[in-house]
Amino acid sequence: MPELPAQEIPADGVERRAIAQSLDLKLADGEIALAAKRLGITRPLGILSELELGAAAERETTGGWGVGPAFTLPIPIFSQGQPAVATAAAQLRQAEQKLLRTGR
C-alpha cells in the first residue's frame, strides 16, 4: 500500500478531479463521438449504401474480349437508406445511455 500523503487533500474540487480522471467516462465520451461521426457519415451516404462497383467482361462478335467498368446504382423507391441511418442513430442513443449509466 502506498504511504498516506503528508498533508490532507483539500475537499473542494475532489469530485471534479475524479470525473476528469475517470477512464469509464472518457471511454463513454469516445464512444459517443464515434457514434456521432458514424451517424454523420451514414446520413448522406444512406441512399448509396447499395451502390456496387466492379469490372465487366464481355465476349465480342470478333472473338475478342471487351473489358470495362461496371456499376449498379439502385433506384431509391422503397429504401432511401433509412435502415442504415436508424442503426447509426440507435448506436448513438446507446452510447449516450451508457454514459448516463456511468454516473455523469
N, C-alpha and C. Protein backbone atom coordinates (compact mmCIF):
# COMPACT_ATOMS: atom_id res chain seq x y z
N MET A 1 0.84 -1.16 0.00
CA MET A 1 0.00 0.00 0.00
C MET A 1 0.89 1.24 0.00
N PRO A 2 0.51 2.26 -0.77
CA PRO A 2 1.30 3.49 -0.76
C PRO A 2 1.10 4.24 0.56
N GLU A 3 2.09 5.04 0.86
CA GLU A 3 2.03 5.85 2.08
C GLU A 3 0.97 6.92 1.94
N LEU A 4 0.39 7.31 3.07
CA LEU A 4 -0.58 8.40 3.08
C LEU A 4 0.14 9.72 2.82
N PRO A 5 -0.55 10.65 2.15
CA PRO A 5 0.10 11.94 1.91
C PRO A 5 0.34 12.68 3.22
N ALA A 6 1.39 13.48 3.24
CA ALA A 6 1.75 14.20 4.46
C ALA A 6 0.70 15.24 4.83
N GLN A 7 0.12 15.88 3.84
CA GLN A 7 -0.90 16.89 4.10
C GLN A 7 -2.26 16.36 3.66
N GLU A 8 -3.29 16.88 4.27
CA GLU A 8 -4.64 16.47 3.92
C GLU A 8 -5.01 17.04 2.54
N ILE A 9 -5.66 16.23 1.73
CA ILE A 9 -6.08 16.65 0.40
C ILE A 9 -7.30 17.55 0.55
N PRO A 10 -7.31 18.72 -0.09
CA PRO A 10 -8.47 19.62 0.04
C PRO A 10 -9.72 18.98 -0.56
N ALA A 11 -10.85 19.14 0.12
CA ALA A 11 -12.10 18.51 -0.30
C ALA A 11 -12.75 19.22 -1.48
N ASP A 12 -12.50 20.49 -1.65
CA ASP A 12 -13.14 21.20 -2.75
C ASP A 12 -12.50 20.79 -4.08
N GLY A 13 -13.31 20.42 -5.03
CA GLY A 13 -12.83 20.02 -6.34
C GLY A 13 -12.51 18.54 -6.47
N VAL A 14 -12.74 17.75 -5.43
CA VAL A 14 -12.41 16.32 -5.49
C VAL A 14 -13.29 15.62 -6.53
N GLU A 15 -14.59 15.92 -6.50
CA GLU A 15 -15.50 15.28 -7.44
C GLU A 15 -15.14 15.67 -8.88
N ARG A 16 -14.83 16.93 -9.11
CA ARG A 16 -14.47 17.39 -10.44
C ARG A 16 -13.22 16.68 -10.94
N ARG A 17 -12.22 16.54 -10.08
CA ARG A 17 -10.99 15.84 -10.46
C ARG A 17 -11.25 14.37 -10.71
N ALA A 18 -12.10 13.75 -9.89
CA ALA A 18 -12.42 12.32 -10.07
C ALA A 18 -13.11 12.09 -11.40
N ILE A 19 -14.04 12.97 -11.75
CA ILE A 19 -14.76 12.83 -13.01
C ILE A 19 -13.80 13.04 -14.18
N ALA A 20 -12.93 14.02 -14.07
CA ALA A 20 -11.98 14.32 -15.14
C ALA A 20 -11.00 13.16 -15.36
N GLN A 21 -10.70 12.40 -14.31
CA GLN A 21 -9.73 11.31 -14.42
C GLN A 21 -10.38 9.95 -14.59
N SER A 22 -11.71 9.88 -14.69
CA SER A 22 -12.41 8.61 -14.81
C SER A 22 -12.22 8.02 -16.21
N LEU A 23 -11.66 6.84 -16.28
CA LEU A 23 -11.44 6.17 -17.56
C LEU A 23 -12.77 5.72 -18.15
N ASP A 24 -13.72 5.29 -17.31
CA ASP A 24 -15.03 4.87 -17.81
C ASP A 24 -15.73 6.02 -18.52
N LEU A 25 -15.68 7.20 -17.94
CA LEU A 25 -16.34 8.35 -18.57
C LEU A 25 -15.63 8.77 -19.85
N LYS A 26 -14.31 8.69 -19.87
CA LYS A 26 -13.56 9.02 -21.09
C LYS A 26 -13.90 8.03 -22.20
N LEU A 27 -14.01 6.76 -21.84
CA LEU A 27 -14.37 5.73 -22.82
C LEU A 27 -15.78 5.97 -23.36
N ALA A 28 -16.72 6.28 -22.48
CA ALA A 28 -18.09 6.55 -22.91
C ALA A 28 -18.16 7.79 -23.79
N ASP A 29 -17.40 8.83 -23.45
CA ASP A 29 -17.34 10.03 -24.30
C ASP A 29 -16.80 9.69 -25.69
N GLY A 30 -15.78 8.86 -25.73
CA GLY A 30 -15.21 8.44 -27.01
C GLY A 30 -16.20 7.65 -27.85
N GLU A 31 -16.99 6.79 -27.20
CA GLU A 31 -17.99 6.01 -27.91
C GLU A 31 -19.07 6.92 -28.49
N ILE A 32 -19.44 7.95 -27.75
CA ILE A 32 -20.44 8.91 -28.25
C ILE A 32 -19.88 9.65 -29.46
N ALA A 33 -18.65 10.09 -29.38
CA ALA A 33 -18.04 10.81 -30.50
C ALA A 33 -17.97 9.91 -31.75
N LEU A 34 -17.60 8.66 -31.56
CA LEU A 34 -17.51 7.73 -32.68
C LEU A 34 -18.89 7.47 -33.28
N ALA A 35 -19.90 7.26 -32.43
CA ALA A 35 -21.25 7.01 -32.93
C ALA A 35 -21.80 8.23 -33.66
N ALA A 36 -21.51 9.43 -33.16
CA ALA A 36 -21.97 10.65 -33.81
C ALA A 36 -21.30 10.81 -35.18
N LYS A 37 -20.02 10.49 -35.24
CA LYS A 37 -19.30 10.58 -36.52
C LYS A 37 -19.88 9.56 -37.50
N ARG A 38 -20.16 8.35 -37.02
CA ARG A 38 -20.73 7.31 -37.88
C ARG A 38 -22.09 7.76 -38.41
N LEU A 39 -22.91 8.37 -37.55
CA LEU A 39 -24.22 8.85 -37.98
C LEU A 39 -24.07 9.98 -39.01
N GLY A 40 -23.11 10.86 -38.80
CA GLY A 40 -22.88 11.94 -39.74
C GLY A 40 -22.44 11.46 -41.11
N ILE A 41 -21.74 10.35 -41.15
CA ILE A 41 -21.31 9.78 -42.43
C ILE A 41 -22.44 8.98 -43.06
N THR A 42 -23.22 8.31 -42.25
CA THR A 42 -24.27 7.43 -42.77
C THR A 42 -25.41 8.21 -43.41
N ARG A 43 -25.76 9.35 -42.83
CA ARG A 43 -26.90 10.11 -43.37
C ARG A 43 -26.74 10.46 -44.85
N PRO A 44 -25.64 11.12 -45.25
CA PRO A 44 -25.54 11.47 -46.67
C PRO A 44 -25.30 10.28 -47.59
N LEU A 45 -24.73 9.20 -47.06
CA LEU A 45 -24.43 8.04 -47.89
C LEU A 45 -25.49 6.95 -47.79
N GLY A 46 -26.58 7.22 -47.08
CA GLY A 46 -27.61 6.21 -46.88
C GLY A 46 -28.20 5.68 -48.18
N ILE A 47 -28.47 6.56 -49.12
CA ILE A 47 -29.04 6.13 -50.40
C ILE A 47 -28.04 5.30 -51.19
N LEU A 48 -26.77 5.62 -51.05
CA LEU A 48 -25.74 4.92 -51.82
C LEU A 48 -25.24 3.65 -51.15
N SER A 49 -25.92 3.18 -50.10
CA SER A 49 -25.44 2.00 -49.40
C SER A 49 -25.48 0.74 -50.26
N GLU A 50 -26.31 0.74 -51.29
CA GLU A 50 -26.43 -0.42 -52.18
C GLU A 50 -25.61 -0.27 -53.46
N LEU A 51 -24.81 0.78 -53.56
CA LEU A 51 -24.00 1.02 -54.75
C LEU A 51 -22.97 -0.09 -54.92
N GLU A 52 -22.85 -0.58 -56.14
CA GLU A 52 -21.88 -1.64 -56.44
C GLU A 52 -20.98 -1.19 -57.57
N LEU A 53 -19.67 -1.35 -57.39
CA LEU A 53 -18.68 -1.02 -58.41
C LEU A 53 -17.88 -2.27 -58.74
N GLY A 54 -17.47 -2.38 -59.98
CA GLY A 54 -16.69 -3.56 -60.36
C GLY A 54 -16.23 -3.47 -61.79
N ALA A 55 -15.90 -4.62 -62.35
CA ALA A 55 -15.46 -4.71 -63.73
C ALA A 55 -16.34 -5.72 -64.45
N ALA A 56 -16.51 -5.50 -65.75
CA ALA A 56 -17.32 -6.41 -66.55
C ALA A 56 -16.52 -6.83 -67.78
N ALA A 57 -16.69 -8.08 -68.16
CA ALA A 57 -16.04 -8.60 -69.35
C ALA A 57 -17.11 -9.20 -70.25
N GLU A 58 -16.96 -8.97 -71.54
CA GLU A 58 -17.96 -9.44 -72.49
C GLU A 58 -17.26 -9.92 -73.75
N ARG A 59 -17.68 -11.07 -74.23
CA ARG A 59 -17.09 -11.61 -75.47
C ARG A 59 -17.73 -10.90 -76.65
N GLU A 60 -16.90 -10.40 -77.52
CA GLU A 60 -17.39 -9.67 -78.67
C GLU A 60 -17.55 -10.61 -79.87
N THR A 61 -18.26 -10.15 -80.88
CA THR A 61 -18.53 -10.98 -82.05
C THR A 61 -17.26 -11.28 -82.86
N THR A 62 -16.23 -10.46 -82.70
CA THR A 62 -14.98 -10.70 -83.43
C THR A 62 -14.11 -11.75 -82.77
N GLY A 63 -14.54 -12.27 -81.63
CA GLY A 63 -13.78 -13.31 -80.95
C GLY A 63 -12.94 -12.80 -79.79
N GLY A 64 -12.80 -11.50 -79.68
CA GLY A 64 -12.03 -10.93 -78.58
C GLY A 64 -12.91 -10.63 -77.37
N TRP A 65 -12.28 -10.08 -76.38
CA TRP A 65 -13.00 -9.75 -75.15
C TRP A 65 -13.00 -8.23 -74.97
N GLY A 66 -14.10 -7.72 -74.50
CA GLY A 66 -14.20 -6.32 -74.14
C GLY A 66 -14.32 -6.22 -72.63
N VAL A 67 -13.43 -5.45 -72.02
CA VAL A 67 -13.43 -5.31 -70.57
C VAL A 67 -13.63 -3.83 -70.23
N GLY A 68 -14.44 -3.59 -69.21
CA GLY A 68 -14.68 -2.21 -68.82
C GLY A 68 -15.27 -2.12 -67.44
N PRO A 69 -15.50 -0.90 -67.01
CA PRO A 69 -16.05 -0.72 -65.67
C PRO A 69 -17.54 -1.08 -65.64
N ALA A 70 -18.00 -1.44 -64.45
CA ALA A 70 -19.42 -1.74 -64.25
C ALA A 70 -19.85 -1.17 -62.91
N PHE A 71 -21.06 -0.65 -62.87
CA PHE A 71 -21.59 -0.18 -61.59
C PHE A 71 -23.10 -0.35 -61.59
N THR A 72 -23.63 -0.51 -60.40
CA THR A 72 -25.06 -0.63 -60.21
C THR A 72 -25.47 0.44 -59.22
N LEU A 73 -26.40 1.27 -59.63
CA LEU A 73 -26.91 2.33 -58.78
C LEU A 73 -28.39 2.06 -58.57
N PRO A 74 -28.79 1.76 -57.32
CA PRO A 74 -30.19 1.43 -57.07
C PRO A 74 -31.09 2.66 -57.20
N ILE A 75 -32.32 2.42 -57.58
CA ILE A 75 -33.32 3.48 -57.62
C ILE A 75 -34.02 3.46 -56.26
N PRO A 76 -33.89 4.53 -55.48
CA PRO A 76 -34.42 4.52 -54.11
C PRO A 76 -35.94 4.73 -54.06
N ILE A 77 -36.68 3.72 -54.48
CA ILE A 77 -38.14 3.82 -54.44
C ILE A 77 -38.64 3.47 -53.04
N PHE A 78 -38.22 2.33 -52.53
CA PHE A 78 -38.71 1.87 -51.23
C PHE A 78 -37.73 2.14 -50.11
N SER A 79 -36.45 1.97 -50.37
CA SER A 79 -35.45 2.18 -49.33
C SER A 79 -34.57 3.35 -49.71
N GLN A 80 -34.55 4.36 -48.89
CA GLN A 80 -33.71 5.53 -49.14
C GLN A 80 -32.62 5.63 -48.09
N GLY A 81 -32.16 4.49 -47.62
CA GLY A 81 -31.09 4.46 -46.63
C GLY A 81 -31.57 4.57 -45.20
N GLN A 82 -32.88 4.50 -44.96
CA GLN A 82 -33.39 4.64 -43.60
C GLN A 82 -32.86 3.57 -42.65
N PRO A 83 -32.72 2.31 -43.06
CA PRO A 83 -32.21 1.31 -42.10
C PRO A 83 -30.80 1.64 -41.60
N ALA A 84 -29.92 2.06 -42.49
CA ALA A 84 -28.55 2.38 -42.08
C ALA A 84 -28.53 3.59 -41.15
N VAL A 85 -29.34 4.61 -41.46
CA VAL A 85 -29.39 5.81 -40.63
C VAL A 85 -30.01 5.48 -39.27
N ALA A 86 -31.06 4.66 -39.26
CA ALA A 86 -31.70 4.28 -38.00
C ALA A 86 -30.75 3.47 -37.12
N THR A 87 -29.96 2.60 -37.73
CA THR A 87 -28.98 1.82 -36.97
C THR A 87 -27.94 2.72 -36.34
N ALA A 88 -27.41 3.66 -37.11
CA ALA A 88 -26.40 4.59 -36.59
C ALA A 88 -26.98 5.47 -35.49
N ALA A 89 -28.23 5.92 -35.65
CA ALA A 89 -28.87 6.74 -34.61
C ALA A 89 -29.10 5.94 -33.34
N ALA A 90 -29.48 4.68 -33.49
CA ALA A 90 -29.68 3.81 -32.32
C ALA A 90 -28.36 3.58 -31.58
N GLN A 91 -27.27 3.41 -32.32
CA GLN A 91 -25.97 3.23 -31.68
C GLN A 91 -25.56 4.48 -30.93
N LEU A 92 -25.88 5.66 -31.47
CA LEU A 92 -25.58 6.90 -30.77
C LEU A 92 -26.39 6.99 -29.48
N ARG A 93 -27.68 6.66 -29.54
CA ARG A 93 -28.50 6.68 -28.32
C ARG A 93 -27.99 5.69 -27.28
N GLN A 94 -27.55 4.50 -27.71
CA GLN A 94 -26.99 3.52 -26.78
C GLN A 94 -25.74 4.06 -26.10
N ALA A 95 -24.87 4.72 -26.85
CA ALA A 95 -23.65 5.28 -26.27
C ALA A 95 -23.99 6.38 -25.27
N GLU A 96 -25.00 7.20 -25.58
CA GLU A 96 -25.42 8.25 -24.65
C GLU A 96 -26.00 7.65 -23.37
N GLN A 97 -26.78 6.60 -23.50
CA GLN A 97 -27.36 5.95 -22.32
C GLN A 97 -26.26 5.29 -21.47
N LYS A 98 -25.26 4.75 -22.11
CA LYS A 98 -24.13 4.15 -21.38
C LYS A 98 -23.42 5.22 -20.55
N LEU A 99 -23.24 6.40 -21.15
CA LEU A 99 -22.60 7.50 -20.42
C LEU A 99 -23.44 7.90 -19.21
N LEU A 100 -24.76 7.97 -19.39
CA LEU A 100 -25.64 8.33 -18.26
C LEU A 100 -25.57 7.27 -17.16
N ARG A 101 -25.46 6.00 -17.53
CA ARG A 101 -25.39 4.92 -16.52
C ARG A 101 -24.08 4.96 -15.74
N THR A 102 -23.02 5.48 -16.36
CA THR A 102 -21.73 5.50 -15.64
C THR A 102 -21.68 6.59 -14.60
N GLY A 103 -22.67 7.48 -14.59
CA GLY A 103 -22.76 8.41 -13.49
C GLY A 103 -22.45 9.85 -13.80
N ARG A 104 -22.53 10.24 -15.01
CA ARG A 104 -22.25 11.65 -15.33
C ARG A 104 -23.48 12.48 -15.22
